[in-house]
C-alpha atoms as a PDB file:
ATOM      1  CA  MET A   1     -62.046   9.974  -6.931  1.00  0.00           C
ATOM      2  CA  PRO A   2     -63.202   7.630  -9.750  1.00  0.00           C
ATOM      3  CA  LYS A   3     -63.274   4.027  -8.529  1.00  0.00           C
ATOM      4  CA  TYR A   4     -61.852   2.663 -11.783  1.00  0.00           C
ATOM      5  CA  LEU A   5     -58.774   4.893 -11.384  1.00  0.00           C
ATOM      6  CA  LEU A   6     -58.062   3.589  -7.881  1.00  0.00           C
ATOM      7  CA  PHE A   7     -58.602   0.012  -9.069  1.00  0.00           C
ATOM      8  CA  THR A   8     -56.107   0.523 -11.900  1.00  0.00           C
ATOM      9  CA  ILE A   9     -53.532   1.988  -9.516  1.00  0.00           C
ATOM     10  CA  PHE A  10     -53.760  -0.933  -7.099  1.00  0.00           C
ATOM     11  CA  LEU A  11     -53.444  -3.462  -9.935  1.00  0.00           C
ATOM     12  CA  PHE A  12     -50.400  -1.596 -11.204  1.00  0.00           C
ATOM     13  CA  LEU A  13     -48.736  -1.584  -7.794  1.00  0.00           C
ATOM     14  CA  THR A  14     -49.525  -5.231  -7.081  1.00  0.00           C
ATOM     15  CA  TYR A  15     -47.993  -6.345 -10.357  1.00  0.00           C
ATOM     16  CA  GLN A  16     -44.858  -4.240 -10.014  1.00  0.00           C
ATOM     17  CA  LEU A  17     -44.046  -5.469  -6.499  1.00  0.00           C
ATOM     18  CA  GLN A  18     -42.361  -8.406  -8.193  1.00  0.00           C
ATOM     19  CA  ALA A  19     -39.443  -6.084  -8.888  1.00  0.00           C
ATOM     20  CA  GLN A  20     -36.690  -5.824  -6.303  1.00  0.00           C
ATOM     21  CA  THR A  21     -36.212  -2.072  -6.508  1.00  0.00           C
ATOM     22  CA  TRP A  22     -39.782  -1.134  -5.675  1.00  0.00           C
ATOM     23  CA  GLU A  23     -40.951   0.491  -2.474  1.00  0.00           C
ATOM     24  CA  ILE A  24     -44.371   0.646  -0.820  1.00  0.00           C
ATOM     25  CA  GLY A  25     -45.495   2.657   2.163  1.00  0.00           C
ATOM     26  CA  GLY A  26     -48.135   4.570   4.026  1.00  0.00           C
ATOM     27  CA  SER A  27     -48.257   7.982   5.636  1.00  0.00           C
ATOM     28  CA  ILE A  28     -50.231   9.915   8.211  1.00  0.00           C
ATOM     29  CA  GLY A  29     -49.970  13.533   9.241  1.00  0.00           C
ATOM     30  CA  GLY A  30     -51.620  16.920   8.973  1.00  0.00           C
ATOM     31  CA  ALA A  31     -53.122  19.046   6.211  1.00  0.00           C
ATOM     32  CA  GLY A  32     -53.621  22.760   5.815  1.00  0.00           C
ATOM     33  CA  TYR A  33     -54.311  25.396   3.212  1.00  0.00           C
ATOM     34  CA  ILE A  34     -53.445  28.970   2.233  1.00  0.00           C
ATOM     35  CA  GLY A  35     -56.305  30.942   0.735  1.00  0.00           C
ATOM     36  CA  ASP A  36     -58.991  33.518   1.327  1.00  0.00           C
ATOM     37  CA  LEU A  37     -59.684  32.455   4.931  1.00  0.00           C
ATOM     38  CA  ASN A  38     -56.003  31.915   5.762  1.00  0.00           C
ATOM     39  CA  PRO A  39     -53.869  34.193   3.588  1.00  0.00           C
ATOM     40  CA  ASN A  40     -50.875  34.632   5.897  1.00  0.00           C
ATOM     41  CA  ASN A  41     -49.921  31.391   7.673  1.00  0.00           C
ATOM     42  CA  PRO A  42     -48.300  28.867   5.272  1.00  0.00           C
ATOM     43  CA  VAL A  43     -47.827  26.168   7.948  1.00  0.00           C
ATOM     44  CA  LYS A  44     -51.197  26.252   9.730  1.00  0.00           C
ATOM     45  CA  VAL A  45     -52.456  22.668  10.081  1.00  0.00           C
ATOM     46  CA  SER A  46     -56.261  22.428  10.133  1.00  0.00           C
ATOM     47  CA  GLY A  47     -56.929  18.692   9.679  1.00  0.00           C
ATOM     48  CA  VAL A  48     -55.444  15.247   9.251  1.00  0.00           C
ATOM     49  CA  SER A  49     -53.981  13.567   6.166  1.00  0.00           C
ATOM     50  CA  ALA A  50     -53.200   9.989   5.159  1.00  0.00           C
ATOM     51  CA  GLY A  51     -51.925   8.207   2.076  1.00  0.00           C
ATOM     52  CA  ILE A  52     -50.418   5.121   0.450  1.00  0.00           C
ATOM     53  CA  PHE A  53     -47.856   4.933  -2.327  1.00  0.00           C
ATOM     54  CA  GLY A  54     -45.750   2.777  -4.615  1.00  0.00           C
ATOM     55  CA  LYS A  55     -42.324   3.991  -5.693  1.00  0.00           C
ATOM     56  CA  ARG A  56     -39.809   2.911  -8.336  1.00  0.00           C
ATOM     57  CA  ASN A  57     -36.221   3.583  -7.217  1.00  0.00           C
ATOM     58  CA  PHE A  58     -33.991   3.910 -10.287  1.00  0.00           C
ATOM     59  CA  ASP A  59     -30.806   4.219  -8.215  1.00  0.00           C
ATOM     60  CA  GLY A  60     -29.761   5.705  -4.886  1.00  0.00           C
ATOM     61  CA  TYR A  61     -30.680   9.223  -6.012  1.00  0.00           C
ATOM     62  CA  PHE A  62     -33.699   9.225  -8.315  1.00  0.00           C
ATOM     63  CA  SER A  63     -37.166   7.676  -7.983  1.00  0.00           C
ATOM     64  CA  ALA A  64     -40.742   8.060  -9.235  1.00  0.00           C
ATOM     65  CA  LYS A  65     -43.700   7.752  -6.861  1.00  0.00           C
ATOM     66  CA  LEU A  66     -47.394   7.125  -7.440  1.00  0.00           C
ATOM     67  CA  ASN A  67     -49.347   8.360  -4.426  1.00  0.00           C
ATOM     68  CA  VAL A  68     -52.995   8.286  -3.337  1.00  0.00           C
ATOM     69  CA  GLY A  69     -53.791  10.657  -0.482  1.00  0.00           C
ATOM     70  CA  VAL A  70     -56.586  12.328   1.410  1.00  0.00           C
ATOM     71  CA  GLY A  71     -56.519  15.424   3.607  1.00  0.00           C
ATOM     72  CA  ASN A  72     -59.013  17.503   5.559  1.00  0.00           C
ATOM     73  CA  ILE A  73     -58.717  21.284   5.610  1.00  0.00           C
ATOM     74  CA  ALA A  74     -60.856  23.916   7.313  1.00  0.00           C
ATOM     75  CA  ALA A  75     -60.901  27.571   8.373  1.00  0.00           C
ATOM     76  CA  TYR A  76     -63.169  29.744  10.505  1.00  0.00           C
ATOM     77  CA  ASP A  77     -63.242  33.532  10.379  1.00  0.00           C
ATOM     78  CA  SER A  78     -64.698  33.540  13.894  1.00  0.00           C
ATOM     79  CA  ARG A  79     -61.359  32.183  15.199  1.00  0.00           C
ATOM     80  CA  SER A  80     -59.186  34.684  13.348  1.00  0.00           C
ATOM     81  CA  GLY A  81     -56.958  37.227  15.046  1.00  0.00           C
ATOM     82  CA  TYR A  82     -58.015  39.855  12.497  1.00  0.00           C
ATOM     83  CA  PRO A  83     -61.196  41.816  13.266  1.00  0.00           C
ATOM     84  CA  GLN A  84     -62.123  42.220   9.584  1.00  0.00           C
ATOM     85  CA  PHE A  85     -62.117  38.431   9.205  1.00  0.00           C
ATOM     86  CA  ARG A  86     -64.226  37.957  12.337  1.00  0.00           C
ATOM     87  CA  ASP A  87     -66.683  40.506  10.941  1.00  0.00           C
ATOM     88  CA  ARG A  88     -66.879  38.599   7.638  1.00  0.00           C
ATOM     89  CA  ASN A  89     -67.706  35.422   9.643  1.00  0.00           C
ATOM     90  CA  LEU A  90     -67.282  32.805   6.892  1.00  0.00           C
ATOM     91  CA  ASN A  91     -66.219  29.190   7.473  1.00  0.00           C
ATOM     92  CA  PHE A  92     -65.602  26.033   5.479  1.00  0.00           C
ATOM     93  CA  LYS A  93     -64.488  22.401   5.640  1.00  0.00           C
ATOM     94  CA  ASP A  94     -63.131  20.434   2.709  1.00  0.00           C
ATOM     95  CA  GLN A  95     -61.897  16.894   2.189  1.00  0.00           C
ATOM     96  CA  LEU A  96     -59.286  16.709  -0.552  1.00  0.00           C
ATOM     97  CA  ARG A  97     -58.666  13.432  -2.408  1.00  0.00           C
ATOM     98  CA  GLU A  98     -55.519  13.359  -4.464  1.00  0.00           C
ATOM     99  CA  VAL A  99     -53.714  11.104  -6.942  1.00  0.00           C
ATOM    100  CA  SER A 100     -50.235  12.274  -7.916  1.00  0.00           C
ATOM    101  CA  LEU A 101     -47.108  11.181  -9.740  1.00  0.00           C
ATOM    102  CA  THR A 102     -43.918  12.763  -8.434  1.00  0.00           C
ATOM    103  CA  GLY A 103     -40.210  12.559  -9.067  1.00  0.00           C
ATOM    104  CA  GLU A 104     -37.926  12.413  -6.030  1.00  0.00           C
ATOM    105  CA  PHE A 105     -34.248  13.311  -5.686  1.00  0.00           C
ATOM    106  CA  ASN A 106     -32.059  12.251  -2.746  1.00  0.00           C
ATOM    107  CA  PHE A 107     -29.163  14.564  -1.937  1.00  0.00           C
ATOM    108  CA  MET A 108     -27.156  11.559  -0.706  1.00  0.00           C
ATOM    109  CA  ASN A 109     -26.883   8.095  -2.230  1.00  0.00           C
ATOM    110  CA  TYR A 110     -29.546   6.218  -0.274  1.00  0.00           C
ATOM    111  CA  ILE A 111     -30.159   2.456  -0.541  1.00  0.00           C
ATOM    112  CA  PRO A 112     -31.772   0.938   2.554  1.00  0.00           C
ATOM    113  CA  ASP A 113     -30.006  -2.163   3.901  1.00  0.00           C
ATOM    114  CA  ALA A 114     -27.469  -2.049   1.054  1.00  0.00           C
ATOM    115  CA  GLY A 115     -25.913   1.430   1.029  1.00  0.00           C
ATOM    116  CA  ARG A 116     -23.546   3.394   3.222  1.00  0.00           C
ATOM    117  CA  ASN A 117     -25.825   6.291   4.092  1.00  0.00           C
ATOM    118  CA  LYS A 118     -28.398   5.839   6.846  1.00  0.00           C
ATOM    119  CA  TYR A 119     -30.263   9.044   5.988  1.00  0.00           C
ATOM    120  CA  THR A 120     -30.673  11.725   3.348  1.00  0.00           C
ATOM    121  CA  PRO A 121     -32.630  14.917   2.745  1.00  0.00           C
ATOM    122  CA  TYR A 122     -34.689  14.902  -0.459  1.00  0.00           C
ATOM    123  CA  ILE A 123     -36.872  17.080  -2.663  1.00  0.00           C
ATOM    124  CA  PHE A 124     -39.793  16.222  -4.926  1.00  0.00           C
ATOM    125  CA  THR A 125     -42.160  17.664  -7.506  1.00  0.00           C
ATOM    126  CA  GLY A 126     -44.658  16.342 -10.038  1.00  0.00           C
ATOM    127  CA  ILE A 127     -48.272  16.552 -11.118  1.00  0.00           C
ATOM    128  CA  GLY A 128     -51.583  15.289  -9.814  1.00  0.00           C
ATOM    129  CA  ILE A 129     -55.315  15.749  -9.624  1.00  0.00           C
ATOM    130  CA  SER A 130     -57.355  16.526  -6.543  1.00  0.00           C
ATOM    131  CA  SER A 131     -61.097  16.546  -5.892  1.00  0.00           C
ATOM    132  CA  TYR A 132     -62.647  19.096  -3.532  1.00  0.00           C
ATOM    133  CA  ALA A 133     -66.113  19.878  -2.184  1.00  0.00           C
ATOM    134  CA  PRO A 134     -66.256  22.738   0.339  1.00  0.00           C
ATOM    135  CA  ARG A 135     -68.940  22.640   3.000  1.00  0.00           C
ATOM    136  CA  ALA A 136     -69.973  25.148   5.645  1.00  0.00           C
ATOM    137  CA  GLN A 137     -71.660  24.976   8.997  1.00  0.00           C
ATOM    138  CA  ASP A 138     -74.825  27.048   8.957  1.00  0.00           C
ATOM    139  CA  PHE A 139     -76.291  28.989  11.876  1.00  0.00           C
ATOM    140  CA  HIS A 140     -78.200  25.866  12.967  1.00  0.00           C
ATOM    141  CA  GLY A 141     -74.970  23.847  13.174  1.00  0.00           C
ATOM    142  CA  ASN A 142     -75.701  21.734  10.083  1.00  0.00           C
ATOM    143  CA  GLU A 143     -73.135  21.127   7.346  1.00  0.00           C
ATOM    144  CA  VAL A 144     -74.168  22.367   3.914  1.00  0.00           C
ATOM    145  CA  SER A 145     -72.476  21.696   0.559  1.00  0.00           C
ATOM    146  CA  LEU A 146     -71.504  25.044  -0.990  1.00  0.00           C
ATOM    147  CA  ARG A 147     -70.552  24.341  -4.614  1.00  0.00           C
ATOM    148  CA  THR A 148     -74.056  24.223  -6.081  1.00  0.00           C
ATOM    149  CA  LEU A 149     -75.210  27.257  -4.073  1.00  0.00           C
ATOM    150  CA  ARG A 150     -73.017  29.605  -6.173  1.00  0.00           C
ATOM    151  CA  THR A 151     -72.433  31.910  -3.214  1.00  0.00           C
ATOM    152  CA  GLU A 152     -70.622  34.523  -5.325  1.00  0.00           C
ATOM    153  CA  GLY A 153     -73.325  34.642  -7.982  1.00  0.00           C
ATOM    154  CA  GLN A 154     -71.503  32.431 -10.514  1.00  0.00           C
ATOM    155  CA  LEU A 155     -73.437  31.576 -13.658  1.00  0.00           C
ATOM    156  CA  LYS A 156     -72.584  27.903 -13.084  1.00  0.00           C
ATOM    157  CA  PRO A 157     -70.956  26.004 -10.202  1.00  0.00           C
ATOM    158  CA  TYR A 158     -67.183  25.752 -10.136  1.00  0.00           C
ATOM    159  CA  GLY A 159     -65.650  22.338 -10.804  1.00  0.00           C
ATOM    160  CA  ASN A 160     -65.140  19.553  -8.286  1.00  0.00           C
ATOM    161  CA  ASN A 161     -61.519  18.705  -9.174  1.00  0.00           C
ATOM    162  CA  THR A 162     -58.331  20.524 -10.103  1.00  0.00           C
ATOM    163  CA  VAL A 163     -54.902  19.745 -11.488  1.00  0.00           C
ATOM    164  CA  VAL A 164     -52.249  20.237  -8.797  1.00  0.00           C
ATOM    165  CA  ILE A 165     -48.474  20.704  -8.839  1.00  0.00           C
ATOM    166  CA  PRO A 166     -46.927  19.055  -5.760  1.00  0.00           C
ATOM    167  CA  TYR A 167     -43.537  20.250  -4.530  1.00  0.00           C
ATOM    168  CA  GLY A 168     -41.690  19.939  -1.251  1.00  0.00           C
ATOM    169  CA  LEU A 169     -38.809  18.579   0.758  1.00  0.00           C
ATOM    170  CA  GLY A 170     -38.160  16.073   3.487  1.00  0.00           C
ATOM    171  CA  ILE A 171     -35.727  13.753   5.197  1.00  0.00           C
ATOM    172  CA  LYS A 172     -35.597   9.945   5.273  1.00  0.00           C
ATOM    173  CA  TYR A 173     -33.827   7.558   7.633  1.00  0.00           C
ATOM    174  CA  ASN A 174     -33.103   3.833   7.391  1.00  0.00           C
ATOM    175  CA  LEU A 175     -34.937   2.604  10.474  1.00  0.00           C
ATOM    176  CA  SER A 176     -33.947  -1.052  10.221  1.00  0.00           C
ATOM    177  CA  GLY A 177     -33.137  -3.355   7.321  1.00  0.00           C
ATOM    178  CA  LYS A 178     -35.377  -2.444   4.403  1.00  0.00           C
ATOM    179  CA  PHE A 179     -37.637  -0.161   6.467  1.00  0.00           C
ATOM    180  CA  THR A 180     -37.416   3.614   6.026  1.00  0.00           C
ATOM    181  CA  VAL A 181     -39.076   6.407   7.982  1.00  0.00           C
ATOM    182  CA  MET A 182     -39.634   9.799   6.365  1.00  0.00           C
ATOM    183  CA  ALA A 183     -40.940  13.234   7.250  1.00  0.00           C
ATOM    184  CA  ASP A 184     -41.788  15.778   4.565  1.00  0.00           C
ATOM    185  CA  MET A 185     -43.723  18.952   3.885  1.00  0.00           C
ATOM    186  CA  GLY A 186     -45.377  19.067   0.470  1.00  0.00           C
ATOM    187  CA  TYR A 187     -47.334  21.999  -0.967  1.00  0.00           C
ATOM    188  CA  ARG A 188     -49.814  21.767  -3.832  1.00  0.00           C
ATOM    189  CA  TYR A 189     -50.230  24.618  -6.284  1.00  0.00           C
ATOM    190  CA  THR A 190     -53.823  24.370  -7.487  1.00  0.00           C
ATOM    191  CA  PHE A 191     -55.664  25.782 -10.482  1.00  0.00           C
ATOM    192  CA  THR A 192     -58.744  26.839  -8.536  1.00  0.00           C
ATOM    193  CA  ASP A 193     -59.579  29.593  -6.074  1.00  0.00           C
ATOM    194  CA  TYR A 194     -62.555  27.749  -4.624  1.00  0.00           C
ATOM    195  CA  LEU A 195     -61.151  25.181  -2.187  1.00  0.00           C
ATOM    196  CA  ASP A 196     -62.812  27.401   0.425  1.00  0.00           C
ATOM    197  CA  ASP A 197     -65.763  28.604  -1.728  1.00  0.00           C
ATOM    198  CA  VAL A 198     -64.408  32.175  -1.526  1.00  0.00           C
ATOM    199  CA  SER A 199     -62.727  34.141  -4.295  1.00  0.00           C
ATOM    200  CA  GLY A 200     -63.968  37.576  -5.361  1.00  0.00           C
ATOM    201  CA  VAL A 201     -66.840  39.861  -4.432  1.00  0.00           C
ATOM    202  CA  TYR A 202     -70.279  39.648  -2.863  1.00  0.00           C
ATOM    203  CA  PRO A 203     -73.099  39.085  -5.370  1.00  0.00           C
ATOM    204  CA  ASP A 204     -76.500  40.718  -5.631  1.00  0.00           C
ATOM    205  CA  LYS A 205     -78.315  38.668  -2.991  1.00  0.00           C
ATOM    206  CA  SER A 206     -81.728  39.638  -4.360  1.00  0.00           C
ATOM    207  CA  LYS A 207     -81.012  37.362  -7.344  1.00  0.00           C
ATOM    208  CA  MET A 208     -80.133  34.336  -5.213  1.00  0.00           C
ATOM    209  CA  SER A 209     -82.050  31.679  -3.341  1.00  0.00           C
ATOM    210  CA  GLN A 210     -82.545  32.280   0.366  1.00  0.00           C
ATOM    211  CA  ILE A 211     -80.020  29.648   1.485  1.00  0.00           C
ATOM    212  CA  SER A 212     -77.428  30.897  -1.034  1.00  0.00           C
ATOM    213  CA  ALA A 213     -77.811  34.469   0.165  1.00  0.00           C
ATOM    214  CA  LEU A 214     -77.574  33.463   3.812  1.00  0.00           C
ATOM    215  CA  LEU A 215     -74.337  31.522   3.286  1.00  0.00           C
ATOM    216  CA  SER A 216     -72.849  34.129   0.959  1.00  0.00           C
ATOM    217  CA  ASP A 217     -72.966  36.975   3.482  1.00  0.00           C
ATOM    218  CA  ARG A 218     -72.711  35.842   7.105  1.00  0.00           C
ATOM    219  CA  SER A 219     -71.473  39.105   8.547  1.00  0.00           C
ATOM    220  CA  GLY A 220     -74.738  39.875  10.322  1.00  0.00           C
ATOM    221  CA  GLU A 221     -75.459  36.522  11.972  1.00  0.00           C
ATOM    222  CA  LYS A 222     -74.368  37.847  15.363  1.00  0.00           C
ATOM    223  CA  THR A 223     -74.891  41.598  15.008  1.00  0.00           C
ATOM    224  CA  GLY A 224     -77.860  41.724  12.652  1.00  0.00           C
ATOM    225  CA  VAL A 225     -75.953  44.155  10.416  1.00  0.00           C
ATOM    226  CA  PHE A 226     -74.969  42.613   7.062  1.00  0.00           C
ATOM    227  CA  THR A 227     -72.046  44.364   5.363  1.00  0.00           C
ATOM    228  CA  GLY A 228     -71.641  42.221   2.230  1.00  0.00           C
ATOM    229  CA  THR A 229     -73.079  44.634  -0.319  1.00  0.00           C
ATOM    230  CA  ALA A 230     -73.021  43.651  -3.990  1.00  0.00           C
ATOM    231  CA  GLY A 231     -69.582  44.226  -5.527  1.00  0.00           C
ATOM    232  CA  SER A 232     -67.733  44.643  -2.227  1.00  0.00           C
ATOM    233  CA  GLN A 233     -64.710  42.501  -1.451  1.00  0.00           C
ATOM    234  CA  ARG A 234     -65.398  38.968  -0.201  1.00  0.00           C
ATOM    235  CA  GLY A 235     -62.117  37.135  -0.982  1.00  0.00           C
ATOM    236  CA  ASP A 236     -58.468  38.140  -1.293  1.00  0.00           C
ATOM    237  CA  PHE A 237     -58.535  38.450  -5.116  1.00  0.00           C
ATOM    238  CA  LYS A 238     -55.659  35.995  -5.572  1.00  0.00           C
ATOM    239  CA  SER A 239     -56.082  33.612  -8.488  1.00  0.00           C
ATOM    240  CA  HIS A 240     -55.609  30.294  -6.679  1.00  0.00           C
ATOM    241  CA  ASP A 241     -55.573  28.491  -3.345  1.00  0.00           C
ATOM    242  CA  THR A 242     -52.748  26.281  -2.084  1.00  0.00           C
ATOM    243  CA  TYR A 243     -52.814  23.304   0.256  1.00  0.00           C
ATOM    244  CA  PHE A 244     -50.177  21.154   1.916  1.00  0.00           C
ATOM    245  CA  PHE A 245     -49.648  17.765   3.516  1.00  0.00           C
ATOM    246  CA  LEU A 246     -47.231  17.335   6.419  1.00  0.00           C
ATOM    247  CA  ASN A 247     -46.503  13.605   6.220  1.00  0.00           C
ATOM    248  CA  PHE A 248     -44.846  11.067   8.475  1.00  0.00           C
ATOM    249  CA  THR A 249     -44.200   7.896   6.493  1.00  0.00           C
ATOM    250  CA  ILE A 250     -42.940   4.363   6.900  1.00  0.00           C
ATOM    251  CA  SER A 251     -42.000   2.273   3.867  1.00  0.00           C
ATOM    252  CA  PHE A 252     -40.525  -1.065   2.856  1.00  0.00           C
ATOM    253  CA  THR A 253     -38.131  -1.418  -0.094  1.00  0.00           C
ATOM    254  CA  PHE A 254     -37.824  -4.589  -2.134  1.00  0.00           C
ATOM    255  CA  VAL A 255     -34.077  -4.428  -2.635  1.00  0.00           C
ATOM    256  CA  THR A 256     -31.086  -6.760  -2.744  1.00  0.00           C
ATOM    257  CA  ALA A 257     -27.409  -5.934  -2.643  1.00  0.00           C
ATOM    258  CA  ASN A 258     -27.030  -6.237  -6.430  1.00  0.00           C
ATOM    259  CA  CYS A 259     -30.054  -4.114  -7.385  1.00  0.00           C
ATOM    260  CA  TYR A 260     -28.026  -0.955  -8.047  1.00  0.00           C
ATOM    261  CA  PHE A 261     -24.657  -2.428  -8.930  1.00  0.00           C
END
């Protein structure tokens, strides 16, 4: 994530904390993804996530949140319950770094330390940008960056960031005074199919470097029989990957009794 962007965000949040209807907080939880190495389990957590945010509460129902988050995702064909995935034998790790702006709607009028309701469910959606850089563990146990290897024979490497559309739901509870605890599940629709470095078909390995060919088709690492012939299916042919953060959050709201009245 560009350092100047993070610097600008922190300056923005620091300045706006002078307002009495602003909220700051931090979260920790789990991250997962749905894609070519995990096409069927939309709640499979494969790593940890963390984040910080600043939020502007317009009233007890609507707010806008600026969030900076990071999450680790991973998948291993060798651990799959499907034999065709175990035969394919691919794996990846990826650390996602995200900046997003989301709108939040409380189903109940919620004002910590000043309202009647102690809790409320809520929903959110918005837009953001996320950086990604898939890596794989080779047969020697070393981690290798995959993007520049062009393991599906791409003419040029895929990008290292993508626009994302966050959406999800959660519940918040007024823990004490101006402190709130929250739990939410938020998915991110992405505009890339390469969070896991897998998308389409196997390339012609004779036109690739040795390391690219070895990490493109890993089906024969244990058996010695490589099945990834040029043009045969490597990914699930869907146009994008999805990831999610399962967050547990604590926040503090700068609010007085007359902020919303």
